Amino acid sequence: MGQHYVPQQYLKGFSDPDHPGTIWMYDKQSRKWARVSIKAAVQQAGYYSDETERQLNELVEGPAHDVLNRLRRGDTLGNAERSKLALYIGTMLMRVPRRRRKAYEILPQVLESTVNEVIGLVARWAQTTSAEPALVSRRFEEIERAREKLGTEPPSEVVDRIRSPWPSENVLALVAAMTWRIVSAGGTGFFLTSDNPAYFFEAYGLGSPESELTFPLASDLALLASWQGKPQQTIYLKAKLALVREVNRRVASGAERFVFYHVREDWVPKITDKQSPYLSRIQW
């Protein structure tokens, strides 16, 4: 058994009501459904170090799962509970496979940009009177060797950062400062979730006025965060069917591979497999 990149306790909020401990999983790659054990879902051997997994359990998951359970029972959030949940969501943004893949995809561009900056510095130094031509030549040769090595062996510090589940202080501050709306499906429908539960519009990020963050909390509950409203305010609402559907379209479109629902439904593959889906901003 490997480490879960989406916590088991979180997935229990979306479990099959007739088969406790299981959840319906749609696989985007195989385009097949399966009812799977939550213990076996979204986990991978060696995904974290043992120490990182221990810290996640003690510092993030344990405290936040108490908050999740309270929200699922219909309780409200105090400031302390809100802080715990903000850390949980910020960590969820960082720990999932989609984020790792995206980071590895842009890594060559980042390294190339860094090398080019060094080349520019050496080139400017070469134009000074103190620069010896032989030494300048050696420096350029060293840079080229470094470029080749970085292309096949990125620095361990960079790889460690990509694999780290810990959000930056800026990400945490933004998540915590947004206006949160806890919306109940209230019988109008149900929410799904995925292997990338915390969805946001990547073009906007988290800090622009247009930013929106969507995080399903359970089959009948979701958190919608934005900058529409008073900062750090938590509002409780009942969702209309159109809002439930929009949340589901967002989360399904952001899934890396797996989408989860409490039952098997034909509409889940339809919205998950749709290329370039139209997603609407939510105006409050």
Protein backbone atom coordinates (compact mmCIF):
# COMPACT_ATOMS: atom_id res chain seq x y z
CA MET A 1 0.00 0.00 0.00
CA GLY A 2 1.35 3.42 -0.95
CA GLN A 3 0.73 6.92 0.30
CA HIS A 4 -2.57 8.63 -0.46
CA TYR A 5 -2.30 11.90 -2.35
CA VAL A 6 -6.00 12.50 -1.63
CA PRO A 7 -6.78 11.53 1.99
CA GLN A 8 -9.07 8.61 2.72
CA GLN A 9 -11.09 10.58 5.25
CA TYR A 10 -11.82 13.21 2.61
CA LEU A 11 -13.03 10.58 0.11
CA LYS A 12 -15.36 9.07 2.71
CA GLY A 13 -17.58 12.10 2.21
CA PHE A 14 -18.30 10.81 -1.31
CA SER A 15 -18.63 7.09 -0.57
CA ASP A 16 -21.30 4.73 -1.85
CA PRO A 17 -24.08 4.87 0.78
CA ASP A 18 -25.00 1.23 0.13
CA HIS A 19 -21.43 -0.05 0.39
CA PRO A 20 -19.53 1.78 3.17
CA GLY A 21 -15.80 2.06 2.60
CA THR A 22 -16.15 2.08 -1.18
CA ILE A 23 -16.50 4.79 -3.80
CA TRP A 24 -17.33 4.88 -7.50
CA MET A 25 -14.29 5.84 -9.59
CA TYR A 26 -14.28 6.86 -13.25
CA ASP A 27 -10.91 6.49 -14.99
CA LYS A 28 -10.33 9.04 -17.77
CA GLN A 29 -7.62 6.89 -19.34
CA SER A 30 -9.54 3.63 -19.65
CA ARG A 31 -12.93 5.35 -19.73
CA LYS A 32 -14.24 2.74 -17.33
CA TRP A 33 -16.12 2.78 -14.03
CA ALA A 34 -15.22 0.72 -10.99
CA ARG A 35 -16.42 0.63 -7.43
CA VAL A 36 -13.21 0.59 -5.40
CA SER A 37 -12.13 0.47 -1.80
CA ILE A 38 -11.32 3.94 -0.50
CA LYS A 39 -8.22 2.47 1.14
CA ALA A 40 -6.89 1.46 -2.30
CA ALA A 41 -7.87 4.61 -4.22
CA VAL A 42 -5.57 7.52 -5.19
CA GLN A 43 -2.44 6.16 -3.58
CA GLN A 44 1.02 5.47 -4.92
CA ALA A 45 4.07 3.75 -3.46
CA GLY A 46 6.89 6.15 -2.64
CA TYR A 47 4.79 9.22 -3.33
CA TYR A 48 6.11 10.86 -0.12
CA SER A 49 8.85 10.14 2.33
CA ASP A 50 7.74 8.54 5.60
CA GLU A 51 8.52 11.78 7.43
CA THR A 52 6.43 13.88 5.03
CA GLU A 53 3.52 11.48 5.40
CA ARG A 54 3.78 11.67 9.19
CA GLN A 55 3.78 15.48 9.10
CA LEU A 56 0.79 15.54 6.75
CA ASN A 57 -1.15 13.29 9.10
CA GLU A 58 -0.29 15.21 12.25
CA LEU A 59 -0.19 18.82 11.06
CA VAL A 60 -2.74 18.95 8.25
CA GLU A 61 -5.09 16.01 7.90
CA GLY A 62 -5.90 15.22 11.53
CA PRO A 63 -6.87 18.79 12.48
CA ALA A 64 -8.73 19.49 9.24
CA HIS A 65 -10.67 16.24 9.16
CA ASP A 66 -12.26 17.18 12.47
CA VAL A 67 -13.37 20.40 10.78
CA LEU A 68 -14.65 18.52 7.73
CA ASN A 69 -16.68 16.19 9.92
CA ARG A 70 -18.23 19.14 11.73
CA LEU A 71 -19.19 20.82 8.45
CA ARG A 72 -20.67 17.58 7.16
CA ARG A 73 -22.84 17.49 10.29
CA GLY A 74 -24.07 21.00 9.60
CA ASP A 75 -21.89 22.95 12.06
CA THR A 76 -20.38 26.35 11.27
CA LEU A 77 -16.74 27.47 11.18
CA GLY A 78 -14.92 29.52 13.78
CA ASN A 79 -11.67 31.32 13.05
CA ALA A 80 -9.53 28.42 14.27
CA GLU A 81 -11.45 25.89 12.19
CA ARG A 82 -11.23 28.11 9.14
CA SER A 83 -7.43 28.32 9.49
CA LYS A 84 -7.14 24.53 9.70
CA LEU A 85 -9.26 24.10 6.59
CA ALA A 86 -7.30 26.78 4.70
CA LEU A 87 -4.08 24.84 5.37
CA TYR A 88 -5.78 21.64 4.21
CA ILE A 89 -6.96 23.21 0.95
CA GLY A 90 -3.61 24.92 0.33
CA THR A 91 -1.85 21.59 0.83
CA MET A 92 -4.34 19.85 -1.46
CA LEU A 93 -3.39 22.29 -4.21
CA MET A 94 0.23 21.21 -3.92
CA ARG A 95 0.12 17.48 -3.18
CA VAL A 96 -1.79 16.13 -6.17
CA PRO A 97 -0.31 14.50 -9.33
CA ARG A 98 -1.62 17.23 -11.63
CA ARG A 99 0.45 19.85 -9.85
CA ARG A 100 3.55 17.64 -9.98
CA ARG A 101 3.08 17.02 -13.70
CA LYS A 102 2.64 20.71 -14.44
CA ALA A 103 5.77 21.56 -12.47
CA TYR A 104 7.86 18.98 -14.33
CA GLU A 105 6.51 20.24 -17.66
CA ILE A 106 7.72 23.80 -17.07
CA LEU A 107 10.99 22.74 -15.42
CA PRO A 108 13.05 22.72 -18.67
CA GLN A 109 11.92 26.28 -19.46
CA VAL A 110 12.81 27.47 -15.96
CA LEU A 111 16.25 25.88 -16.07
CA GLU A 112 16.92 27.22 -19.57
CA SER A 113 15.94 30.71 -18.46
CA THR A 114 18.31 30.45 -15.48
CA VAL A 115 21.19 29.32 -17.69
CA ASN A 116 20.54 32.17 -20.14
CA GLU A 117 20.65 34.67 -17.29
CA VAL A 118 24.08 33.35 -16.27
CA ILE A 119 25.27 33.52 -19.88
CA GLY A 120 24.18 37.15 -19.99
CA LEU A 121 26.13 37.95 -16.83
CA VAL A 122 29.28 36.32 -18.19
CA ALA A 123 28.85 38.07 -21.54
CA ARG A 124 28.65 41.45 -19.82
CA TRP A 125 31.70 40.61 -17.71
CA ALA A 126 33.58 39.57 -20.88
CA GLN A 127 33.21 43.11 -22.18
CA THR A 128 35.07 44.61 -19.23
CA THR A 129 38.79 45.32 -19.29
CA SER A 130 39.48 42.94 -16.39
CA ALA A 131 38.16 39.85 -18.20
CA GLU A 132 40.80 37.47 -19.53
CA PRO A 133 39.76 35.83 -22.83
CA ALA A 134 40.93 32.36 -21.71
CA LEU A 135 38.98 32.59 -18.46
CA VAL A 136 35.89 33.84 -20.27
CA SER A 137 36.10 30.88 -22.64
CA ARG A 138 36.34 28.44 -19.72
CA ARG A 139 33.31 30.00 -18.05
CA PHE A 140 31.21 29.59 -21.19
CA GLU A 141 32.35 25.96 -21.48
CA GLU A 142 31.38 25.36 -17.86
CA ILE A 143 27.96 26.85 -18.47
CA GLU A 144 27.36 24.58 -21.45
CA ARG A 145 28.37 21.52 -19.43
CA ALA A 146 26.00 22.64 -16.69
CA ARG A 147 23.20 23.09 -19.25
CA GLU A 148 23.67 19.53 -20.50
CA LYS A 149 23.71 18.12 -16.97
CA LEU A 150 20.62 20.03 -15.91
CA GLY A 151 18.77 18.68 -18.93
CA THR A 152 19.18 15.11 -17.71
CA GLU A 153 19.62 15.60 -13.97
CA PRO A 154 17.72 18.51 -12.42
CA PRO A 155 19.05 19.79 -9.08
CA SER A 156 17.84 17.71 -6.15
CA GLU A 157 16.62 20.87 -4.42
CA VAL A 158 14.31 21.60 -7.36
CA VAL A 159 12.98 18.03 -7.48
CA ASP A 160 12.37 18.09 -3.72
CA ARG A 161 10.39 21.30 -4.09
CA ILE A 162 8.24 19.82 -6.85
CA ARG A 163 7.52 16.76 -4.71
CA SER A 164 6.80 18.82 -1.63
CA PRO A 165 3.12 19.04 -0.57
CA TRP A 166 3.63 22.24 1.42
CA PRO A 167 2.03 25.45 0.11
CA SER A 168 3.84 28.76 0.20
CA GLU A 169 2.88 31.42 2.74
CA ASN A 170 1.43 33.45 -0.12
CA VAL A 171 -0.88 30.64 -1.22
CA LEU A 172 -2.06 30.07 2.35
CA ALA A 173 -2.67 33.77 2.88
CA LEU A 174 -4.75 34.02 -0.30
CA VAL A 175 -6.89 30.95 0.46
CA ALA A 176 -7.50 32.14 4.01
CA ALA A 177 -8.37 35.71 2.97
CA MET A 178 -10.95 34.88 0.31
CA THR A 179 -14.68 35.05 0.92
CA TRP A 180 -15.87 31.50 1.54
CA ARG A 181 -19.33 30.27 0.66
CA ILE A 182 -20.29 26.89 2.05
CA VAL A 183 -23.07 25.66 -0.23
CA SER A 184 -25.38 22.75 0.49
CA ALA A 185 -26.79 20.79 -2.43
CA GLY A 186 -29.96 20.43 -0.38
CA GLY A 187 -31.49 17.67 -2.48
CA THR A 188 -31.07 19.52 -5.80
CA GLY A 189 -28.20 17.25 -6.83
CA PHE A 190 -24.89 15.90 -5.61
CA PHE A 191 -21.26 16.95 -5.86
CA LEU A 192 -18.49 14.82 -7.26
CA THR A 193 -14.77 15.08 -6.57
CA SER A 194 -11.52 14.00 -8.20
CA ASP A 195 -7.80 13.34 -7.77
CA ASN A 196 -7.43 17.14 -8.00
CA PRO A 197 -10.22 18.30 -5.66
CA ALA A 198 -9.23 21.97 -5.23
CA TYR A 199 -10.03 23.55 -8.59
CA PHE A 200 -9.17 27.11 -9.63
CA PHE A 201 -8.90 28.92 -12.95
CA GLU A 202 -5.17 28.69 -13.70
CA ALA A 203 -5.29 31.75 -15.95
CA TYR A 204 -6.32 33.89 -12.96
CA GLY A 205 -4.42 32.14 -10.18
CA LEU A 206 -5.66 32.86 -6.68
CA GLY A 207 -4.84 36.52 -6.18
CA SER A 208 -6.70 38.37 -8.94
CA PRO A 209 -10.19 39.86 -8.55
CA GLU A 210 -11.52 37.21 -10.97
CA SER A 211 -10.05 34.28 -9.02
CA GLU A 212 -12.36 31.50 -7.84
CA LEU A 213 -11.53 28.36 -5.88
CA THR A 214 -13.88 25.37 -5.84
CA PHE A 215 -13.50 22.57 -3.30
CA PRO A 216 -16.17 19.86 -2.80
CA LEU A 217 -16.47 18.89 0.88
CA ALA A 218 -18.91 15.98 0.56
CA SER A 219 -21.56 14.66 -1.80
CA ASP A 220 -23.96 17.31 -0.53
CA LEU A 221 -21.55 20.12 0.41
CA ALA A 222 -18.96 22.33 -1.33
CA LEU A 223 -16.80 25.34 -0.57
CA LEU A 224 -16.67 28.15 -3.14
CA ALA A 225 -14.08 30.86 -2.49
CA SER A 226 -13.67 34.13 -4.35
CA TRP A 227 -12.95 37.82 -3.83
CA GLN A 228 -16.65 38.68 -4.18
CA GLY A 229 -17.58 39.74 -0.69
CA LYS A 230 -15.95 40.64 2.60
CA PRO A 231 -12.46 39.13 3.05
CA GLN A 232 -12.26 36.21 5.50
CA GLN A 233 -16.04 35.99 5.69
CA THR A 234 -17.83 32.61 5.67
CA ILE A 235 -21.35 32.51 4.22
CA TYR A 236 -23.71 29.50 4.26
CA LEU A 237 -26.08 28.96 1.33
CA LYS A 238 -28.31 26.41 -0.32
CA ALA A 239 -27.22 25.71 -3.90
CA LYS A 240 -29.50 25.69 -6.89
CA LEU A 241 -29.12 22.86 -9.41
CA ALA A 242 -27.27 25.11 -11.89
CA LEU A 243 -24.61 25.83 -9.27
CA VAL A 244 -24.18 22.14 -8.42
CA ARG A 245 -23.70 21.38 -12.10
CA GLU A 246 -21.13 24.15 -12.51
CA VAL A 247 -19.13 22.88 -9.55
CA ASN A 248 -19.16 19.38 -11.02
CA ARG A 249 -18.06 20.59 -14.45
CA ARG A 250 -15.13 22.43 -12.91
CA VAL A 251 -13.91 19.60 -10.74
CA ALA A 252 -14.34 16.99 -13.49
CA SER A 253 -12.47 19.15 -16.01
CA GLY A 254 -9.54 19.58 -13.60
CA ALA A 255 -9.16 15.87 -12.83
CA GLU A 256 -5.78 14.40 -13.70
CA ARG A 257 -7.15 10.88 -14.16
CA PHE A 258 -9.81 9.86 -11.61
CA VAL A 259 -13.25 11.28 -10.85
CA PHE A 260 -15.23 10.05 -7.83
CA TYR A 261 -18.97 9.96 -7.19
CA HIS A 262 -21.19 8.15 -4.70
CA VAL A 263 -23.01 6.23 -7.45
CA ARG A 264 -22.43 5.34 -11.08
CA GLU A 265 -24.04 7.90 -13.39
CA ASP A 266 -23.80 8.28 -17.19
CA TRP A 267 -23.40 12.05 -17.02
CA VAL A 268 -20.10 11.83 -15.13
CA PRO A 269 -18.08 10.47 -18.09
CA LYS A 270 -19.79 12.94 -20.40
CA ILE A 271 -18.56 16.00 -18.50
CA THR A 272 -15.20 14.42 -17.62
CA ASP A 273 -14.27 13.43 -21.18
CA LYS A 274 -15.42 16.68 -22.75
CA GLN A 275 -12.57 18.57 -24.39
CA SER A 276 -12.32 22.29 -23.62
CA PRO A 277 -15.54 22.48 -21.59
CA TYR A 278 -17.24 25.82 -21.15
CA LEU A 279 -16.93 26.90 -17.53
CA SER A 280 -18.80 29.91 -16.20
CA ARG A 281 -17.71 32.36 -13.55
CA ILE A 282 -20.08 32.45 -10.59
CA GLN A 283 -21.50 35.87 -9.81
CA TRP A 284 -22.76 36.36 -6.28
